[in-house]
Amino acid sequence: MKVFVITLILFILAFAGLAAGLLLKRQGIKGGCSPAPGSKCQCKSEGDHSKS
């Protein structure tokens, strides 16, 4: 039962952190710029080296 309570608290803290970031208008979690085969890369950064 102890393990369940500790795990539950950790999950609640993780979700509270994500919610706080959302409320503070911070950028959400994003994936990397590694497009699937056949798709065009939409990532832009300084020194953009995307293939056109």
PDB file of N, CA and C in Angstrom:
ATOM      1  N   MET A   1       0.818  -1.197   0.000  1.00  0.00           N
ATOM      2  CA  MET A   1       0.000   0.000   0.000  1.00  0.00           C
ATOM      3  C   MET A   1       0.861   1.260   0.000  1.00  0.00           C
ATOM      4  N   LYS A   2       2.015   1.179   0.694  1.00  0.00           N
ATOM      5  CA  LYS A   2       2.921   2.330   0.735  1.00  0.00           C
ATOM      6  C   LYS A   2       3.394   2.700  -0.671  1.00  0.00           C
ATOM      7  N   VAL A   3       3.737   1.681  -1.454  1.00  0.00           N
ATOM      8  CA  VAL A   3       4.236   1.911  -2.811  1.00  0.00           C
ATOM      9  C   VAL A   3       3.158   2.580  -3.655  1.00  0.00           C
ATOM     10  N   PHE A   4       1.917   2.159  -3.499  1.00  0.00           N
ATOM     11  CA  PHE A   4       0.809   2.749  -4.249  1.00  0.00           C
ATOM     12  C   PHE A   4       0.655   4.227  -3.910  1.00  0.00           C
ATOM     13  N   VAL A   5       0.701   4.573  -2.649  1.00  0.00           N
ATOM     14  CA  VAL A   5       0.533   5.968  -2.214  1.00  0.00           C
ATOM     15  C   VAL A   5       1.683   6.826  -2.730  1.00  0.00           C
ATOM     16  N   ILE A   6       2.898   6.313  -2.632  1.00  0.00           N
ATOM     17  CA  ILE A   6       4.065   7.063  -3.115  1.00  0.00           C
ATOM     18  C   ILE A   6       3.972   7.275  -4.620  1.00  0.00           C
ATOM     19  N   THR A   7       3.589   6.242  -5.355  1.00  0.00           N
ATOM     20  CA  THR A   7       3.435   6.346  -6.803  1.00  0.00           C
ATOM     21  C   THR A   7       2.335   7.336  -7.165  1.00  0.00           C
ATOM     22  N   LEU A   8       1.227   7.280  -6.461  1.00  0.00           N
ATOM     23  CA  LEU A   8       0.125   8.208  -6.698  1.00  0.00           C
ATOM     24  C   LEU A   8       0.556   9.651  -6.467  1.00  0.00           C
ATOM     25  N   ILE A   9       1.298   9.897  -5.406  1.00  0.00           N
ATOM     26  CA  ILE A   9       1.783  11.244  -5.113  1.00  0.00           C
ATOM     27  C   ILE A   9       2.727  11.725  -6.207  1.00  0.00           C
ATOM     28  N   LEU A  10       3.598  10.855  -6.696  1.00  0.00           N
ATOM     29  CA  LEU A  10       4.523  11.237  -7.763  1.00  0.00           C
ATOM     30  C   LEU A  10       3.772  11.599  -9.046  1.00  0.00           C
ATOM     31  N   PHE A  11       2.752  10.827  -9.384  1.00  0.00           N
ATOM     32  CA  PHE A  11       1.954  11.129 -10.571  1.00  0.00           C
ATOM     33  C   PHE A  11       1.205  12.447 -10.409  1.00  0.00           C
ATOM     34  N   ILE A  12       0.645  12.671  -9.241  1.00  0.00           N
ATOM     35  CA  ILE A  12      -0.069  13.927  -8.990  1.00  0.00           C
ATOM     36  C   ILE A  12       0.887  15.115  -9.112  1.00  0.00           C
ATOM     37  N   LEU A  13       2.088  14.988  -8.573  1.00  0.00           N
ATOM     38  CA  LEU A  13       3.080  16.064  -8.679  1.00  0.00           C
ATOM     39  C   LEU A  13       3.483  16.302 -10.134  1.00  0.00           C
ATOM     40  N   ALA A  14       3.639  15.232 -10.895  1.00  0.00           N
ATOM     41  CA  ALA A  14       4.016  15.373 -12.302  1.00  0.00           C
ATOM     42  C   ALA A  14       2.920  16.097 -13.081  1.00  0.00           C
ATOM     43  N   PHE A  15       1.672  15.695 -12.893  1.00  0.00           N
ATOM     44  CA  PHE A  15       0.568  16.349 -13.589  1.00  0.00           C
ATOM     45  C   PHE A  15       0.377  17.785 -13.122  1.00  0.00           C
ATOM     46  N   ALA A  16       0.608  18.051 -11.838  1.00  0.00           N
ATOM     47  CA  ALA A  16       0.508  19.418 -11.331  1.00  0.00           C
ATOM     48  C   ALA A  16       1.583  20.291 -11.976  1.00  0.00           C
ATOM     49  N   GLY A  17       2.775  19.742 -12.170  1.00  0.00           N
ATOM     50  CA  GLY A  17       3.839  20.492 -12.833  1.00  0.00           C
ATOM     51  C   GLY A  17       3.498  20.796 -14.277  1.00  0.00           C
ATOM     52  N   LEU A  18       2.933  19.831 -14.980  1.00  0.00           N
ATOM     53  CA  LEU A  18       2.520  20.068 -16.364  1.00  0.00           C
ATOM     54  C   LEU A  18       1.404  21.109 -16.424  1.00  0.00           C
ATOM     55  N   ALA A  19       0.460  21.033 -15.500  1.00  0.00           N
ATOM     56  CA  ALA A  19      -0.643  21.992 -15.477  1.00  0.00           C
ATOM     57  C   ALA A  19      -0.131  23.390 -15.153  1.00  0.00           C
ATOM     58  N   ALA A  20       0.818  23.498 -14.245  1.00  0.00           N
ATOM     59  CA  ALA A  20       1.371  24.803 -13.894  1.00  0.00           C
ATOM     60  C   ALA A  20       2.077  25.415 -15.102  1.00  0.00           C
ATOM     61  N   GLY A  21       2.803  24.614 -15.857  1.00  0.00           N
ATOM     62  CA  GLY A  21       3.462  25.112 -17.065  1.00  0.00           C
ATOM     63  C   GLY A  21       2.453  25.596 -18.087  1.00  0.00           C
ATOM     64  N   LEU A  22       1.359  24.887 -18.211  1.00  0.00           N
ATOM     65  CA  LEU A  22       0.310  25.284 -19.144  1.00  0.00           C
ATOM     66  C   LEU A  22      -0.331  26.593 -18.703  1.00  0.00           C
ATOM     67  N   LEU A  23      -0.602  26.719 -17.415  1.00  0.00           N
ATOM     68  CA  LEU A  23      -1.220  27.940 -16.893  1.00  0.00           C
ATOM     69  C   LEU A  23      -0.287  29.142 -17.003  1.00  0.00           C
ATOM     70  N   LEU A  24       1.016  28.909 -16.950  1.00  0.00           N
ATOM     71  CA  LEU A  24       1.989  29.993 -17.065  1.00  0.00           C
ATOM     72  C   LEU A  24       2.340  30.295 -18.520  1.00  0.00           C
ATOM     73  N   LYS A  25       1.598  29.699 -19.444  1.00  0.00           N
ATOM     74  CA  LYS A  25       1.753  29.925 -20.884  1.00  0.00           C
ATOM     75  C   LYS A  25       3.126  29.514 -21.407  1.00  0.00           C
ATOM     76  N   ARG A  26       3.721  28.517 -20.789  1.00  0.00           N
ATOM     77  CA  ARG A  26       4.998  28.020 -21.306  1.00  0.00           C
ATOM     78  C   ARG A  26       4.726  27.068 -22.445  1.00  0.00           C
ATOM     79  N   GLN A  27       5.734  26.898 -23.294  1.00  0.00           N
ATOM     80  CA  GLN A  27       5.584  26.021 -24.439  1.00  0.00           C
ATOM     81  C   GLN A  27       5.477  24.572 -23.977  1.00  0.00           C
ATOM     82  N   GLY A  28       4.603  23.823 -24.589  1.00  0.00           N
ATOM     83  CA  GLY A  28       4.391  22.435 -24.206  1.00  0.00           C
ATOM     84  C   GLY A  28       5.518  21.527 -24.643  1.00  0.00           C
ATOM     85  N   ILE A  29       5.388  20.279 -24.294  1.00  0.00           N
ATOM     86  CA  ILE A  29       6.374  19.268 -24.672  1.00  0.00           C
ATOM     87  C   ILE A  29       6.262  19.030 -26.171  1.00  0.00           C
ATOM     88  N   LYS A  30       7.403  18.999 -26.858  1.00  0.00           N
ATOM     89  CA  LYS A  30       7.418  18.776 -28.303  1.00  0.00           C
ATOM     90  C   LYS A  30       8.321  17.601 -28.625  1.00  0.00           C
ATOM     91  N   GLY A  31       8.069  17.019 -29.775  1.00  0.00           N
ATOM     92  CA  GLY A  31       8.950  15.974 -30.268  1.00  0.00           C
ATOM     93  C   GLY A  31      10.140  16.593 -30.984  1.00  0.00           C
ATOM     94  N   GLY A  32      11.054  15.793 -31.409  1.00  0.00           N
ATOM     95  CA  GLY A  32      12.212  16.284 -32.134  1.00  0.00           C
ATOM     96  C   GLY A  32      11.897  16.556 -33.590  1.00  0.00           C
ATOM     97  N   CYS A  33      12.848  17.091 -34.315  1.00  0.00           N
ATOM     98  CA  CYS A  33      12.664  17.379 -35.730  1.00  0.00           C
ATOM     99  C   CYS A  33      13.269  16.238 -36.535  1.00  0.00           C
ATOM    100  N   SER A  34      12.647  15.114 -36.461  1.00  0.00           N
ATOM    101  CA  SER A  34      13.072  13.950 -37.216  1.00  0.00           C
ATOM    102  C   SER A  34      11.843  13.432 -37.952  1.00  0.00           C
ATOM    103  N   PRO A  35      11.554  14.039 -39.122  1.00  0.00           N
ATOM    104  CA  PRO A  35      10.301  13.707 -39.807  1.00  0.00           C
ATOM    105  C   PRO A  35      10.269  12.261 -40.303  1.00  0.00           C
ATOM    106  N   ALA A  36       9.074  11.777 -40.452  1.00  0.00           N
ATOM    107  CA  ALA A  36       8.879  10.434 -40.987  1.00  0.00           C
ATOM    108  C   ALA A  36       9.304  10.419 -42.454  1.00  0.00           C
ATOM    109  N   PRO A  37       9.694   9.274 -42.970  1.00  0.00           N
ATOM    110  CA  PRO A  37      10.091   9.191 -44.373  1.00  0.00           C
ATOM    111  C   PRO A  37       8.964   9.686 -45.290  1.00  0.00           C
ATOM    112  N   GLY A  38       9.319  10.559 -46.216  1.00  0.00           N
ATOM    113  CA  GLY A  38       8.344  11.064 -47.167  1.00  0.00           C
ATOM    114  C   GLY A  38       7.647  12.334 -46.722  1.00  0.00           C
ATOM    115  N   SER A  39       7.922  12.819 -45.514  1.00  0.00           N
ATOM    116  CA  SER A  39       7.275  14.059 -45.060  1.00  0.00           C
ATOM    117  C   SER A  39       8.297  15.190 -45.064  1.00  0.00           C
ATOM    118  N   LYS A  40       7.795  16.409 -45.051  1.00  0.00           N
ATOM    119  CA  LYS A  40       8.679  17.581 -45.066  1.00  0.00           C
ATOM    120  C   LYS A  40       8.892  18.063 -43.638  1.00  0.00           C
ATOM    121  N   CYS A  41      10.120  18.433 -43.322  1.00  0.00           N
ATOM    122  CA  CYS A  41      10.447  18.940 -41.994  1.00  0.00           C
ATOM    123  C   CYS A  41       9.887  20.340 -41.834  1.00  0.00           C
ATOM    124  N   GLN A  42       9.160  20.581 -40.750  1.00  0.00           N
ATOM    125  CA  GLN A  42       8.557  21.884 -40.488  1.00  0.00           C
ATOM    126  C   GLN A  42       9.316  22.653 -39.413  1.00  0.00           C
ATOM    127  N   CYS A  43      10.425  22.103 -38.937  1.00  0.00           N
ATOM    128  CA  CYS A  43      11.173  22.757 -37.862  1.00  0.00           C
ATOM    129  C   CYS A  43      12.007  23.894 -38.422  1.00  0.00           C
ATOM    130  N   LYS A  44      12.036  24.992 -37.692  1.00  0.00           N
ATOM    131  CA  LYS A  44      12.875  26.126 -38.075  1.00  0.00           C
ATOM    132  C   LYS A  44      13.687  26.529 -36.857  1.00  0.00           C
ATOM    133  N   SER A  45      14.951  26.701 -37.054  1.00  0.00           N
ATOM    134  CA  SER A  45      15.814  27.144 -35.969  1.00  0.00           C
ATOM    135  C   SER A  45      16.935  27.972 -36.573  1.00  0.00           C
ATOM    136  N   GLU A  46      17.711  28.600 -35.696  1.00  0.00           N
ATOM    137  CA  GLU A  46      18.828  29.349 -36.230  1.00  0.00           C
ATOM    138  C   GLU A  46      19.782  28.342 -36.894  1.00  0.00           C
ATOM    139  N   GLY A  47      20.248  28.672 -38.048  1.00  0.00           N
ATOM    140  CA  GLY A  47      21.089  27.752 -38.795  1.00  0.00           C
ATOM    141  C   GLY A  47      20.299  26.585 -39.332  1.00  0.00           C
ATOM    142  N   ASP A  48      19.123  26.857 -39.847  1.00  0.00           N
ATOM    143  CA  ASP A  48      18.234  25.808 -40.365  1.00  0.00           C
ATOM    144  C   ASP A  48      18.919  25.085 -41.513  1.00  0.00           C
ATOM    145  N   HIS A  49      19.110  23.772 -41.364  1.00  0.00           N
ATOM    146  CA  HIS A  49      19.786  22.983 -42.392  1.00  0.00           C
ATOM    147  C   HIS A  49      18.840  21.999 -43.049  1.00  0.00           C
ATOM    148  N   SER A  50      17.553  22.330 -43.081  1.00  0.00           N
ATOM    149  CA  SER A  50      16.579  21.384 -43.665  1.00  0.00           C
ATOM    150  C   SER A  50      16.781  21.264 -45.162  1.00  0.00           C
ATOM    151  N   LYS A  51      16.485  20.080 -45.657  1.00  0.00           N
ATOM    152  CA  LYS A  51      16.637  19.823 -47.092  1.00  0.00           C
ATOM    153  C   LYS A  51      15.386  20.319 -47.805  1.00  0.00           C
ATOM    154  N   SER A  52      15.580  21.112 -48.849  1.00  0.00           N
ATOM    155  CA  SER A  52      14.427  21.641 -49.595  1.00  0.00           C
ATOM    156  C   SER A  52      14.289  20.966 -50.921  1.00  0.00           C
TER     157      SER A  52
END
